[in-house]
Amino acid sequence: MNIYEIKYRIEQIRDEDTANDCITTIKTYTNVLNIDEEIALTGAQIRLKHKMGAVDSLILATAILHDLKVLTGDQHFDGMDEAVMI
């Protein structure tokens, strides 16, 4: 989960209280993974290879290193094994 993007998108269309409530709910039912050196270095390589933005590169690196899936509607993830398009 990407708390930054979730907070930004929800607050963009709703308000700060709604965004904060969503983040609280997400944190209650999920594990939050911090960006460590391995994720950062892998993210940099992904960004160079795929010409993705920094945030998306870090999301993909986290998914790869933790054997997770990225749930996304972003088209630049389309076709990647780690992505589930929604």
N, C-alpha and C. Protein backbone atom coordinates (compact mmCIF):
# COMPACT_ATOMS: atom_id res chain seq x y z
N MET A 1 0.85 -1.16 0.00
CA MET A 1 0.00 0.00 0.00
C MET A 1 0.90 1.23 0.00
N ASN A 2 0.43 2.21 -0.64
CA ASN A 2 1.22 3.42 -0.68
C ASN A 2 0.43 4.52 0.02
N ILE A 3 0.77 4.77 1.27
CA ILE A 3 0.05 5.75 2.07
C ILE A 3 0.10 7.14 1.45
N TYR A 4 1.23 7.50 0.89
CA TYR A 4 1.37 8.81 0.25
C TYR A 4 0.33 9.01 -0.84
N GLU A 5 0.26 8.07 -1.78
CA GLU A 5 -0.66 8.23 -2.91
C GLU A 5 -2.12 8.13 -2.48
N ILE A 6 -2.40 7.25 -1.54
CA ILE A 6 -3.78 7.12 -1.06
C ILE A 6 -4.22 8.42 -0.39
N LYS A 7 -3.39 8.94 0.49
CA LYS A 7 -3.70 10.22 1.17
C LYS A 7 -3.91 11.33 0.15
N TYR A 8 -3.00 11.44 -0.80
CA TYR A 8 -3.08 12.50 -1.80
C TYR A 8 -4.35 12.40 -2.63
N ARG A 9 -4.63 11.22 -3.14
CA ARG A 9 -5.79 11.05 -4.04
C ARG A 9 -7.11 11.28 -3.31
N ILE A 10 -7.24 10.73 -2.11
CA ILE A 10 -8.51 10.88 -1.39
C ILE A 10 -8.71 12.33 -0.98
N GLU A 11 -7.66 12.97 -0.49
CA GLU A 11 -7.81 14.37 -0.09
C GLU A 11 -8.07 15.26 -1.30
N GLN A 12 -7.56 14.88 -2.44
CA GLN A 12 -7.77 15.63 -3.67
C GLN A 12 -9.25 15.66 -4.05
N ILE A 13 -9.95 14.54 -3.86
CA ILE A 13 -11.36 14.48 -4.27
C ILE A 13 -12.34 14.65 -3.11
N ARG A 14 -11.87 14.47 -1.88
CA ARG A 14 -12.75 14.62 -0.72
C ARG A 14 -12.21 15.71 0.20
N ASP A 15 -11.70 15.30 1.37
CA ASP A 15 -11.15 16.25 2.33
C ASP A 15 -10.14 15.55 3.23
N GLU A 16 -9.45 16.34 4.05
CA GLU A 16 -8.38 15.80 4.88
C GLU A 16 -8.89 14.77 5.89
N ASP A 17 -10.03 15.05 6.52
CA ASP A 17 -10.56 14.11 7.51
C ASP A 17 -10.87 12.75 6.89
N THR A 18 -11.48 12.76 5.71
CA THR A 18 -11.79 11.50 5.02
C THR A 18 -10.52 10.75 4.68
N ALA A 19 -9.52 11.47 4.19
CA ALA A 19 -8.24 10.84 3.86
C ALA A 19 -7.59 10.23 5.09
N ASN A 20 -7.60 10.96 6.19
CA ASN A 20 -7.00 10.45 7.43
C ASN A 20 -7.74 9.23 7.95
N ASP A 21 -9.07 9.24 7.85
CA ASP A 21 -9.87 8.08 8.26
C ASP A 21 -9.52 6.86 7.42
N CYS A 22 -9.35 7.05 6.13
CA CYS A 22 -8.98 5.93 5.24
C CYS A 22 -7.61 5.38 5.61
N ILE A 23 -6.67 6.25 5.88
CA ILE A 23 -5.32 5.81 6.26
C ILE A 23 -5.37 5.03 7.56
N THR A 24 -6.14 5.50 8.53
CA THR A 24 -6.27 4.78 9.80
C THR A 24 -6.84 3.39 9.57
N THR A 25 -7.86 3.29 8.74
CA THR A 25 -8.47 1.99 8.43
C THR A 25 -7.46 1.07 7.74
N ILE A 26 -6.76 1.59 6.77
CA ILE A 26 -5.77 0.80 6.05
C ILE A 26 -4.70 0.27 7.01
N LYS A 27 -4.20 1.13 7.88
CA LYS A 27 -3.16 0.72 8.82
C LYS A 27 -3.67 -0.31 9.83
N THR A 28 -4.96 -0.31 10.09
CA THR A 28 -5.55 -1.29 11.01
C THR A 28 -5.54 -2.69 10.41
N TYR A 29 -5.74 -2.79 9.10
CA TYR A 29 -5.91 -4.09 8.46
C TYR A 29 -4.74 -4.55 7.59
N THR A 30 -3.68 -3.77 7.53
CA THR A 30 -2.53 -4.13 6.69
C THR A 30 -1.22 -3.92 7.45
N ASN A 31 -0.16 -4.41 6.89
CA ASN A 31 1.18 -4.15 7.41
C ASN A 31 1.80 -3.05 6.56
N VAL A 32 2.34 -2.05 7.21
CA VAL A 32 3.03 -0.97 6.51
C VAL A 32 4.51 -1.32 6.42
N LEU A 33 5.03 -1.34 5.21
CA LEU A 33 6.44 -1.64 4.99
C LEU A 33 7.19 -0.34 4.75
N ASN A 34 8.29 -0.18 5.45
CA ASN A 34 9.11 1.02 5.27
C ASN A 34 10.09 0.82 4.12
N ILE A 35 10.48 1.92 3.52
CA ILE A 35 11.48 1.87 2.45
C ILE A 35 12.86 1.72 3.10
N ASP A 36 13.54 0.65 2.75
CA ASP A 36 14.89 0.44 3.26
C ASP A 36 15.89 0.59 2.10
N GLU A 37 17.15 0.35 2.40
CA GLU A 37 18.19 0.55 1.38
C GLU A 37 18.00 -0.37 0.18
N GLU A 38 17.63 -1.62 0.42
CA GLU A 38 17.44 -2.57 -0.68
C GLU A 38 16.30 -2.13 -1.60
N ILE A 39 15.21 -1.66 -1.01
CA ILE A 39 14.09 -1.15 -1.82
C ILE A 39 14.53 0.08 -2.61
N ALA A 40 15.26 0.97 -1.96
CA ALA A 40 15.72 2.19 -2.63
C ALA A 40 16.62 1.87 -3.82
N LEU A 41 17.56 0.97 -3.64
CA LEU A 41 18.48 0.62 -4.72
C LEU A 41 17.76 -0.12 -5.85
N THR A 42 16.86 -1.01 -5.50
CA THR A 42 16.08 -1.71 -6.52
C THR A 42 15.17 -0.73 -7.25
N GLY A 43 14.57 0.19 -6.51
CA GLY A 43 13.72 1.20 -7.12
C GLY A 43 14.47 2.07 -8.12
N ALA A 44 15.70 2.40 -7.80
CA ALA A 44 16.51 3.20 -8.73
C ALA A 44 16.76 2.44 -10.02
N GLN A 45 17.05 1.16 -9.92
CA GLN A 45 17.26 0.34 -11.13
C GLN A 45 15.98 0.23 -11.95
N ILE A 46 14.85 0.06 -11.28
CA ILE A 46 13.56 -0.01 -11.98
C ILE A 46 13.28 1.31 -12.70
N ARG A 47 13.54 2.41 -12.01
CA ARG A 47 13.29 3.72 -12.62
C ARG A 47 14.14 3.92 -13.87
N LEU A 48 15.39 3.52 -13.82
CA LEU A 48 16.26 3.63 -14.98
C LEU A 48 15.78 2.75 -16.13
N LYS A 49 15.38 1.53 -15.82
CA LYS A 49 14.99 0.57 -16.85
C LYS A 49 13.64 0.91 -17.48
N HIS A 50 12.66 1.28 -16.65
CA HIS A 50 11.29 1.46 -17.13
C HIS A 50 10.88 2.92 -17.30
N LYS A 51 11.76 3.85 -16.93
CA LYS A 51 11.46 5.28 -17.05
C LYS A 51 10.19 5.64 -16.26
N MET A 52 10.04 5.04 -15.09
CA MET A 52 8.89 5.31 -14.21
C MET A 52 9.25 6.44 -13.26
N GLY A 53 8.22 7.02 -12.66
CA GLY A 53 8.44 8.01 -11.62
C GLY A 53 9.03 7.36 -10.37
N ALA A 54 9.56 8.18 -9.50
CA ALA A 54 10.23 7.68 -8.30
C ALA A 54 9.28 6.88 -7.41
N VAL A 55 8.10 7.41 -7.16
CA VAL A 55 7.16 6.73 -6.26
C VAL A 55 6.76 5.38 -6.82
N ASP A 56 6.39 5.33 -8.09
CA ASP A 56 5.98 4.07 -8.70
C ASP A 56 7.13 3.06 -8.73
N SER A 57 8.33 3.53 -8.93
CA SER A 57 9.50 2.64 -8.91
C SER A 57 9.70 2.02 -7.54
N LEU A 58 9.50 2.81 -6.50
CA LEU A 58 9.63 2.29 -5.14
C LEU A 58 8.50 1.32 -4.80
N ILE A 59 7.31 1.61 -5.30
CA ILE A 59 6.19 0.68 -5.09
C ILE A 59 6.49 -0.66 -5.74
N LEU A 60 6.94 -0.62 -6.98
CA LEU A 60 7.25 -1.86 -7.69
C LEU A 60 8.41 -2.60 -7.03
N ALA A 61 9.43 -1.89 -6.59
CA ALA A 61 10.55 -2.52 -5.90
C ALA A 61 10.09 -3.23 -4.63
N THR A 62 9.21 -2.59 -3.89
CA THR A 62 8.68 -3.19 -2.67
C THR A 62 7.92 -4.47 -2.99
N ALA A 63 7.10 -4.43 -4.03
CA ALA A 63 6.35 -5.61 -4.44
C ALA A 63 7.28 -6.75 -4.83
N ILE A 64 8.29 -6.44 -5.61
CA ILE A 64 9.24 -7.47 -6.07
C ILE A 64 9.98 -8.09 -4.89
N LEU A 65 10.49 -7.27 -4.02
CA LEU A 65 11.32 -7.76 -2.91
C LEU A 65 10.53 -8.48 -1.82
N HIS A 66 9.24 -8.19 -1.74
CA HIS A 66 8.40 -8.82 -0.70
C HIS A 66 7.39 -9.80 -1.30
N ASP A 67 7.56 -10.13 -2.58
CA ASP A 67 6.68 -11.08 -3.26
C ASP A 67 5.21 -10.68 -3.11
N LEU A 68 4.92 -9.42 -3.44
CA LEU A 68 3.58 -8.86 -3.35
C LEU A 68 3.08 -8.47 -4.73
N LYS A 69 1.81 -8.11 -4.81
CA LYS A 69 1.21 -7.60 -6.04
C LYS A 69 0.88 -6.12 -5.85
N VAL A 70 0.97 -5.37 -6.93
CA VAL A 70 0.58 -3.96 -6.95
C VAL A 70 -0.81 -3.89 -7.55
N LEU A 71 -1.78 -3.42 -6.77
CA LEU A 71 -3.12 -3.19 -7.29
C LEU A 71 -3.15 -1.78 -7.83
N THR A 72 -3.39 -1.64 -9.12
CA THR A 72 -3.24 -0.31 -9.73
C THR A 72 -4.10 -0.15 -10.97
N GLY A 73 -4.36 1.08 -11.29
CA GLY A 73 -5.00 1.44 -12.55
C GLY A 73 -4.03 2.17 -13.46
N ASP A 74 -2.80 2.36 -12.98
CA ASP A 74 -1.78 3.07 -13.76
C ASP A 74 -1.32 2.20 -14.92
N GLN A 75 -1.45 2.72 -16.13
CA GLN A 75 -1.15 1.95 -17.33
C GLN A 75 0.31 1.53 -17.46
N HIS A 76 1.24 2.29 -16.87
CA HIS A 76 2.64 1.90 -17.03
C HIS A 76 2.99 0.64 -16.24
N PHE A 77 2.07 0.15 -15.40
CA PHE A 77 2.26 -1.13 -14.73
C PHE A 77 1.69 -2.29 -15.56
N ASP A 78 0.90 -1.96 -16.57
CA ASP A 78 0.23 -2.99 -17.37
C ASP A 78 1.25 -3.94 -18.00
N GLY A 79 1.01 -5.22 -17.86
CA GLY A 79 1.90 -6.23 -18.42
C GLY A 79 2.99 -6.70 -17.48
N MET A 80 3.13 -6.06 -16.33
CA MET A 80 4.15 -6.48 -15.37
C MET A 80 3.58 -7.59 -14.49
N ASP A 81 4.39 -8.60 -14.24
CA ASP A 81 3.95 -9.75 -13.44
C ASP A 81 3.48 -9.34 -12.04
N GLU A 82 4.08 -8.31 -11.49
CA GLU A 82 3.75 -7.88 -10.12
C GLU A 82 2.49 -7.03 -10.05
N ALA A 83 1.90 -6.69 -11.19
CA ALA A 83 0.75 -5.78 -11.21
C ALA A 83 -0.56 -6.53 -11.43
N VAL A 84 -1.56 -6.09 -10.69
CA VAL A 84 -2.94 -6.52 -10.91
C VAL A 84 -3.69 -5.24 -11.30
N MET A 85 -4.12 -5.18 -12.54
CA MET A 85 -4.79 -3.98 -13.03
C MET A 85 -6.23 -3.95 -12.53
N ILE A 86 -6.64 -2.80 -12.01
CA ILE A 86 -8.02 -2.63 -11.54
C ILE A 86 -8.68 -1.49 -12.26
